[in-house]
Amino acid sequence: MHRFLRNIMALAWSDPADRCRAAFAGLLVLALMLSAPAVADSSVLSGLREPGTVLLLRHALAPGTGDPPGFRLDDCSTQRNLSEAGREQARALGDRLRAAGINEARVYSSRWCRCLETARLLDLGPVEPLPALDSFFQQRSERPARTQAAREFLQELPPGAPVVMVTHQVNISALTGEFTPSGGGIVAEMRPDGSLRLFGTIR
């Protein structure tokens, strides 16, 4: 790929006709580079159709870190919430899931408003708040208990529709050891011993 790009650059400094060909080739390479992650994402998302798999999804874009002092779960105005870009991100992810053949899912969410809104905007089915997915970013002592509760919930889930769990970066890291950007996620399989086998990540 690097040699191909060097050849394009060489053409760009030659005659005008070659410059046009170089521009076309450059656009083609750019299109291929941009389409590759989408194809990979589609393949990973389609893994949700396999029994025992789950999508651990970080809430969509919500500018800032943590929550304001004194925030309350029953009052979204006291919390850090999704931006308009975050709402669009969540809707787009729902579209990507449907394009991968996931038309409905069992959707669980942290009780934080930014997670609940992300989950609802996916438009894959009713959203069930799940305390095991609540953030412990500002209560690190809660990490062991909350992580164990999430594992136990996954182990006890009966067979059925695909599972999407909308939560926070700290929760996903505790479960998988992986960092997940806003609106990104990890498709994983819960093993009988309570460990997770990772299928792949999505942006």
Protein backbone atom coordinates (compact mmCIF):
# COMPACT_ATOMS: atom_id res chain seq x y z
CA MET A 1 0.00 0.00 0.00
CA HIS A 2 2.80 2.41 0.89
CA ARG A 3 4.56 1.76 -2.47
CA PHE A 4 1.27 2.42 -4.27
CA LEU A 5 0.88 5.72 -2.47
CA ARG A 6 4.44 6.74 -3.36
CA ASN A 7 3.67 6.04 -7.02
CA ILE A 8 0.58 8.25 -6.78
CA MET A 9 2.68 11.08 -5.34
CA ALA A 10 5.18 10.71 -8.16
CA LEU A 11 2.38 10.99 -10.72
CA ALA A 12 1.03 14.06 -8.99
CA TRP A 13 4.21 15.96 -9.84
CA SER A 14 4.20 14.98 -13.53
CA ASP A 15 2.05 16.29 -16.40
CA PRO A 16 -1.61 17.41 -15.94
CA ALA A 17 -3.09 14.19 -17.35
CA ASP A 18 -1.11 12.15 -14.85
CA ARG A 19 -2.28 14.45 -12.09
CA CYS A 20 -5.89 13.59 -12.94
CA ARG A 21 -5.09 9.88 -12.87
CA ALA A 22 -3.28 10.35 -9.56
CA ALA A 23 -6.26 12.16 -8.07
CA PHE A 24 -8.60 9.37 -9.19
CA ALA A 25 -6.31 6.69 -7.76
CA GLY A 26 -6.01 8.60 -4.50
CA LEU A 27 -9.77 8.84 -4.16
CA LEU A 28 -10.06 5.12 -4.83
CA VAL A 29 -7.55 4.31 -2.09
CA LEU A 30 -9.37 6.64 0.32
CA ALA A 31 -12.69 4.95 -0.42
CA LEU A 32 -11.19 1.54 0.24
CA MET A 33 -9.64 2.70 3.49
CA LEU A 34 -12.93 4.19 4.69
CA SER A 35 -15.02 1.18 3.71
CA ALA A 36 -12.79 -1.44 5.36
CA PRO A 37 -13.77 -0.65 8.99
CA ALA A 38 -17.47 -0.68 8.07
CA VAL A 39 -17.10 -4.15 6.55
CA ALA A 40 -15.21 -5.33 9.63
CA ASP A 41 -17.84 -3.81 11.92
CA SER A 42 -20.62 -5.56 10.01
CA SER A 43 -18.86 -8.90 10.41
CA VAL A 44 -18.39 -8.36 14.14
CA LEU A 45 -21.98 -7.20 14.65
CA SER A 46 -23.36 -10.21 12.78
CA GLY A 47 -21.73 -12.33 15.51
CA LEU A 48 -24.55 -11.19 17.79
CA ARG A 49 -26.77 -13.69 16.05
CA GLU A 50 -24.71 -16.49 17.64
CA PRO A 51 -26.16 -17.96 20.86
CA GLY A 52 -24.53 -16.72 24.04
CA THR A 53 -23.06 -13.53 22.58
CA VAL A 54 -23.59 -9.98 23.82
CA LEU A 55 -22.77 -6.47 22.66
CA LEU A 56 -21.22 -4.45 25.47
CA LEU A 57 -21.80 -0.91 24.27
CA ARG A 58 -20.46 2.31 25.73
CA HIS A 59 -23.00 5.14 25.68
CA ALA A 60 -22.76 7.56 22.76
CA LEU A 61 -20.97 10.93 22.84
CA ALA A 62 -21.61 12.88 26.03
CA PRO A 63 -19.11 15.75 26.38
CA GLY A 64 -17.19 15.89 29.64
CA THR A 65 -16.04 13.40 32.26
CA GLY A 66 -17.97 11.82 35.10
CA ASP A 67 -20.97 13.72 36.44
CA PRO A 68 -21.47 17.04 38.25
CA PRO A 69 -21.32 16.98 42.08
CA GLY A 70 -24.63 16.03 43.61
CA PHE A 71 -26.09 14.50 40.43
CA ARG A 72 -29.21 12.37 40.80
CA LEU A 73 -30.29 9.32 38.80
CA ASP A 74 -33.90 10.49 38.80
CA ASP A 75 -33.05 13.91 37.31
CA CYS A 76 -31.35 13.93 33.92
CA SER A 77 -30.73 17.69 34.18
CA THR A 78 -28.19 17.00 36.94
CA GLN A 79 -26.18 14.54 34.84
CA ARG A 80 -23.77 14.61 31.92
CA ASN A 81 -25.94 13.84 28.89
CA LEU A 82 -25.69 13.04 25.20
CA SER A 83 -24.92 15.82 22.77
CA GLU A 84 -26.83 16.07 19.50
CA ALA A 85 -23.86 14.38 17.85
CA GLY A 86 -24.19 11.59 20.41
CA ARG A 87 -27.87 11.13 19.61
CA GLU A 88 -27.08 10.88 15.92
CA GLN A 89 -24.30 8.41 16.73
CA ALA A 90 -26.73 6.19 18.63
CA ARG A 91 -29.30 6.28 15.81
CA ALA A 92 -26.59 5.43 13.28
CA LEU A 93 -25.45 2.45 15.35
CA GLY A 94 -29.01 1.15 15.43
CA ASP A 95 -29.04 1.36 11.64
CA ARG A 96 -25.73 -0.51 11.46
CA LEU A 97 -27.10 -3.27 13.68
CA ARG A 98 -30.17 -3.66 11.48
CA ALA A 99 -27.95 -3.74 8.39
CA ALA A 100 -26.07 -6.63 10.05
CA GLY A 101 -29.35 -8.53 10.48
CA ILE A 102 -30.05 -7.53 14.12
CA ASN A 103 -33.60 -6.18 13.85
CA GLU A 104 -34.56 -6.65 17.48
CA ALA A 105 -32.69 -7.34 20.68
CA ARG A 106 -32.97 -7.65 24.42
CA VAL A 107 -31.64 -4.25 25.45
CA TYR A 108 -30.37 -3.56 28.97
CA SER A 109 -28.95 -0.28 30.18
CA SER A 110 -27.24 1.47 33.03
CA ARG A 111 -29.69 3.74 34.83
CA TRP A 112 -27.67 6.84 33.84
CA CYS A 113 -29.64 9.02 31.43
CA ARG A 114 -26.94 9.04 28.74
CA CYS A 115 -27.02 5.25 28.64
CA LEU A 116 -30.81 4.99 28.67
CA GLU A 117 -31.08 7.53 25.85
CA THR A 118 -28.44 5.69 23.81
CA ALA A 119 -30.30 2.41 24.32
CA ARG A 120 -33.66 3.87 23.28
CA LEU A 121 -32.25 5.58 20.19
CA LEU A 122 -30.92 2.23 18.94
CA ASP A 123 -34.62 1.41 18.40
CA LEU A 124 -34.16 -2.34 18.79
CA GLY A 125 -36.82 -2.98 21.40
CA PRO A 126 -37.85 -2.12 24.97
CA VAL A 127 -35.04 -0.96 27.26
CA GLU A 128 -34.69 -2.49 30.73
CA PRO A 129 -32.64 -0.54 33.30
CA LEU A 130 -30.08 -2.80 34.98
CA PRO A 131 -28.23 -1.61 38.14
CA ALA A 132 -25.37 -4.05 37.42
CA LEU A 133 -24.47 -1.79 34.48
CA ASP A 134 -24.39 1.44 36.53
CA SER A 135 -21.17 3.43 36.48
CA PHE A 136 -18.68 3.18 39.33
CA PHE A 137 -16.41 5.91 37.92
CA GLN A 138 -16.93 8.05 41.01
CA GLN A 139 -17.33 5.07 43.35
CA ARG A 140 -14.36 2.83 42.53
CA SER A 141 -15.01 0.66 45.60
CA GLU A 142 -18.15 -0.58 43.81
CA ARG A 143 -16.15 -2.07 40.93
CA PRO A 144 -15.82 -5.70 42.20
CA ALA A 145 -19.47 -6.08 43.23
CA ARG A 146 -20.87 -4.41 40.13
CA THR A 147 -18.63 -6.36 37.76
CA GLN A 148 -19.55 -9.64 39.44
CA ALA A 149 -23.26 -8.76 39.24
CA ALA A 150 -22.92 -8.11 35.51
CA ARG A 151 -21.15 -11.44 34.98
CA GLU A 152 -23.80 -13.33 36.94
CA PHE A 153 -26.57 -11.64 34.97
CA LEU A 154 -24.95 -12.68 31.69
CA GLN A 155 -24.46 -16.26 32.88
CA GLU A 156 -28.13 -16.55 33.85
CA LEU A 157 -29.59 -15.09 30.64
CA PRO A 158 -31.80 -17.66 28.90
CA PRO A 159 -31.50 -18.27 25.14
CA GLY A 160 -33.36 -15.79 22.98
CA ALA A 161 -32.94 -12.65 20.92
CA PRO A 162 -29.52 -10.93 20.69
CA VAL A 163 -28.41 -9.02 23.77
CA VAL A 164 -27.22 -5.40 23.86
CA MET A 165 -25.96 -3.94 27.14
CA VAL A 166 -25.41 -0.17 27.22
CA THR A 167 -23.03 0.89 29.94
CA HIS A 168 -19.89 2.92 30.69
CA GLN A 169 -16.24 2.69 29.72
CA VAL A 170 -15.12 1.70 33.24
CA ASN A 171 -17.63 -1.16 33.34
CA ILE A 172 -16.59 -2.53 29.96
CA SER A 173 -12.90 -2.29 30.89
CA ALA A 174 -13.55 -4.16 34.12
CA LEU A 175 -15.34 -6.95 32.25
CA THR A 176 -13.03 -7.25 29.25
CA GLY A 177 -9.78 -5.41 29.94
CA GLU A 178 -10.40 -3.33 26.79
CA PHE A 179 -10.90 0.42 26.35
CA THR A 180 -14.01 1.41 24.39
CA PRO A 181 -14.62 4.87 22.86
CA SER A 182 -17.97 6.63 23.12
CA GLY A 183 -20.50 4.82 20.94
CA GLY A 184 -18.13 1.87 20.48
CA GLY A 185 -18.54 -1.62 21.76
CA ILE A 186 -17.30 -5.17 22.10
CA VAL A 187 -19.07 -8.32 20.95
CA ALA A 188 -18.25 -11.15 23.34
CA GLU A 189 -19.38 -14.59 24.39
CA MET A 190 -19.97 -15.51 28.01
CA ARG A 191 -18.23 -18.78 28.89
CA PRO A 192 -19.52 -21.18 31.56
CA ASP A 193 -16.69 -20.17 33.91
CA GLY A 194 -17.81 -16.52 33.81
CA SER A 195 -15.03 -15.29 31.52
CA LEU A 196 -15.70 -13.49 28.24
CA ARG A 197 -14.34 -14.54 24.85
CA LEU A 198 -14.03 -11.46 22.65
CA PHE A 199 -15.29 -11.68 19.06
CA GLY A 200 -14.23 -8.18 18.08
CA THR A 201 -14.76 -4.46 18.55
CA ILE A 202 -16.82 -1.86 16.74
CA ARG A 203 -16.07 1.82 16.41
